[in-house]
């Protein structure tokens, strides 16, 4: 009974034909996988490259880089805590100046949302000056200061 279900051995030509078809399919699949991987990388690169252009005014000035300090000085140069406080205050003043200038430019251009973002960050920075409105404040910054204080 098992003889009825036995398949004949394929000929050498049939084996070569089946092998060539199989190899063609496998090569095609390999090429498609590589092409899909390259396409995904290209789309991700293009999206990362285009992101800053799709969100105008969303860039925020970066904080200044604080250089590595030397060894702590003795009593003649001040304490390390005083030096750290002085550097932090200077850094805060620089950052506040950058945020204020950026907010003023954005206010002049009419980009109120981005200007508000800059001014809000400016108001979060601890400053040694008076938090009340200053003479050079734009109308938007003055309104934010009044609302905060």
Protein backbone atom coordinates (compact mmCIF):
# COMPACT_ATOMS: atom_id res chain seq x y z
CA UNK A 1 0.00 0.00 0.00
CA UNK A 2 2.88 2.36 0.56
CA UNK A 3 3.91 1.93 -3.06
CA UNK A 4 0.94 3.95 -4.31
CA UNK A 5 2.04 7.04 -2.36
CA UNK A 6 5.69 7.03 -3.29
CA UNK A 7 6.78 9.85 -5.53
CA UNK A 8 9.25 9.26 -8.29
CA UNK A 9 12.76 10.75 -7.93
CA UNK A 10 13.06 14.06 -9.78
CA UNK A 11 15.44 14.21 -12.69
CA UNK A 12 18.67 16.21 -12.62
CA UNK A 13 17.16 18.90 -14.85
CA UNK A 14 14.18 19.27 -12.51
CA UNK A 15 16.50 19.65 -9.51
CA UNK A 16 18.53 22.35 -11.26
CA UNK A 17 15.34 24.23 -12.25
CA UNK A 18 13.95 24.09 -8.71
CA UNK A 19 17.29 25.21 -7.24
CA UNK A 20 17.57 28.15 -9.63
CA UNK A 21 13.99 29.30 -8.85
CA UNK A 22 14.61 28.98 -5.11
CA UNK A 23 17.85 30.95 -5.29
CA UNK A 24 16.15 33.68 -7.35
CA UNK A 25 13.38 34.01 -4.73
CA UNK A 26 15.87 34.10 -1.87
CA UNK A 27 18.01 36.73 -3.57
CA UNK A 28 14.96 38.84 -4.30
CA UNK A 29 13.85 38.67 -0.67
CA UNK A 30 17.35 39.62 0.51
CA UNK A 31 17.41 42.62 -1.84
CA UNK A 32 13.95 43.70 -0.65
CA UNK A 33 14.99 43.46 3.02
CA UNK A 34 18.08 45.57 2.38
CA UNK A 35 16.10 48.11 0.37
CA UNK A 36 13.49 48.35 3.14
CA UNK A 37 16.21 48.89 5.75
CA UNK A 38 17.87 51.59 3.66
CA UNK A 39 14.50 53.26 3.06
CA UNK A 40 13.73 53.31 6.80
CA UNK A 41 17.11 54.86 7.60
CA UNK A 42 16.66 57.44 4.82
CA UNK A 43 13.19 58.42 6.07
CA UNK A 44 14.43 58.74 9.67
CA UNK A 45 17.37 60.88 8.52
CA UNK A 46 15.11 63.10 6.42
CA UNK A 47 12.66 63.51 9.30
CA UNK A 48 15.47 64.50 11.68
CA UNK A 49 16.89 66.89 9.12
CA UNK A 50 13.51 68.51 8.40
CA UNK A 51 12.31 68.81 12.01
CA UNK A 52 13.87 72.23 12.81
CA UNK A 53 12.43 73.65 9.59
CA UNK A 54 8.88 72.54 10.39
CA UNK A 55 8.79 74.26 13.78
CA UNK A 56 9.86 77.90 13.25
CA UNK A 57 10.78 79.82 16.35
CA UNK A 58 10.84 76.70 18.50
CA UNK A 59 14.57 76.81 19.04
CA UNK A 60 15.67 77.88 22.49
CA UNK A 61 19.12 79.34 23.10
CA UNK A 62 21.42 76.83 24.66
CA UNK A 63 22.93 77.40 28.04
CA UNK A 64 26.54 78.57 27.98
CA UNK A 65 29.16 75.92 28.58
CA UNK A 66 30.96 76.26 31.89
CA UNK A 67 34.60 75.39 31.50
CA UNK A 68 36.28 73.06 33.92
CA UNK A 69 37.61 74.91 36.93
CA UNK A 70 41.06 74.52 38.38
CA UNK A 71 41.87 73.45 41.93
CA UNK A 72 40.25 75.24 44.84
CA UNK A 73 42.11 78.32 46.02
CA UNK A 74 43.04 79.16 49.55
CA UNK A 75 41.91 82.19 51.58
CA UNK A 76 43.73 84.63 49.28
CA UNK A 77 41.55 83.79 46.24
CA UNK A 78 38.22 83.38 48.02
CA UNK A 79 36.44 80.20 48.97
CA UNK A 80 35.37 77.66 46.34
CA UNK A 81 31.72 78.30 47.27
CA UNK A 82 32.08 82.01 46.55
CA UNK A 83 33.71 81.24 43.21
CA UNK A 84 30.91 78.83 42.27
CA UNK A 85 28.26 81.40 43.19
CA UNK A 86 30.02 84.07 41.13
CA UNK A 87 30.24 81.77 38.10
CA UNK A 88 26.60 80.76 38.48
CA UNK A 89 25.48 84.39 38.70
CA UNK A 90 27.54 85.31 35.64
CA UNK A 91 26.11 82.34 33.74
CA UNK A 92 22.57 83.28 34.78
CA UNK A 93 23.14 86.86 33.64
CA UNK A 94 24.42 85.69 30.23
CA UNK A 95 21.52 83.28 29.80
CA UNK A 96 19.02 85.93 30.89
CA UNK A 97 20.47 88.36 28.37
CA UNK A 98 20.23 85.80 25.57
CA UNK A 99 16.64 84.86 26.46
CA UNK A 100 15.59 88.49 26.72
CA UNK A 101 17.17 89.41 23.37
CA UNK A 102 15.56 86.38 21.70
CA UNK A 103 12.16 87.21 23.22
CA UNK A 104 12.44 90.83 22.08
CA UNK A 105 13.26 89.76 18.50
CA UNK A 106 10.35 87.32 18.45
CA UNK A 107 7.98 89.96 19.83
CA UNK A 108 9.02 92.38 17.09
CA UNK A 109 8.39 89.69 14.46
CA UNK A 110 4.94 88.97 15.92
CA UNK A 111 5.71 85.42 17.11
CA UNK A 112 4.05 85.91 20.49
CA UNK A 113 3.95 82.23 21.53
CA UNK A 114 7.69 81.75 21.08
CA UNK A 115 8.40 85.08 22.79
CA UNK A 116 6.25 84.00 25.74
CA UNK A 117 8.26 80.77 25.98
CA UNK A 118 11.54 82.74 26.11
CA UNK A 119 10.21 85.28 28.61
CA UNK A 120 8.84 82.56 30.90
CA UNK A 121 12.24 80.88 30.96
CA UNK A 122 13.80 84.26 31.68
CA UNK A 123 11.51 84.76 34.67
CA UNK A 124 12.44 81.31 36.06
CA UNK A 125 16.14 82.23 36.24
CA UNK A 126 17.15 83.42 39.72
CA UNK A 127 18.46 86.96 39.36
CA UNK A 128 19.89 89.30 41.92
CA UNK A 129 18.07 92.31 40.43
CA UNK A 130 14.60 93.62 41.17
CA UNK A 131 11.89 91.42 39.61
CA UNK A 132 9.71 94.49 38.97
CA UNK A 133 9.35 95.86 35.45
CA UNK A 134 12.45 97.52 34.05
CA UNK A 135 12.58 100.49 31.69
CA UNK A 136 13.79 98.45 28.70
CA UNK A 137 11.19 95.68 28.95
CA UNK A 138 8.96 94.96 25.98
CA UNK A 139 5.23 95.22 26.55
CA UNK A 140 4.95 91.44 26.71
CA UNK A 141 7.73 90.97 29.26
CA UNK A 142 6.34 93.82 31.37
CA UNK A 143 2.90 92.18 31.34
CA UNK A 144 4.40 88.84 32.38
CA UNK A 145 6.34 90.48 35.21
CA UNK A 146 3.21 92.21 36.48
CA UNK A 147 1.25 88.97 36.33
CA UNK A 148 3.97 87.06 38.19
CA UNK A 149 4.69 89.63 40.88
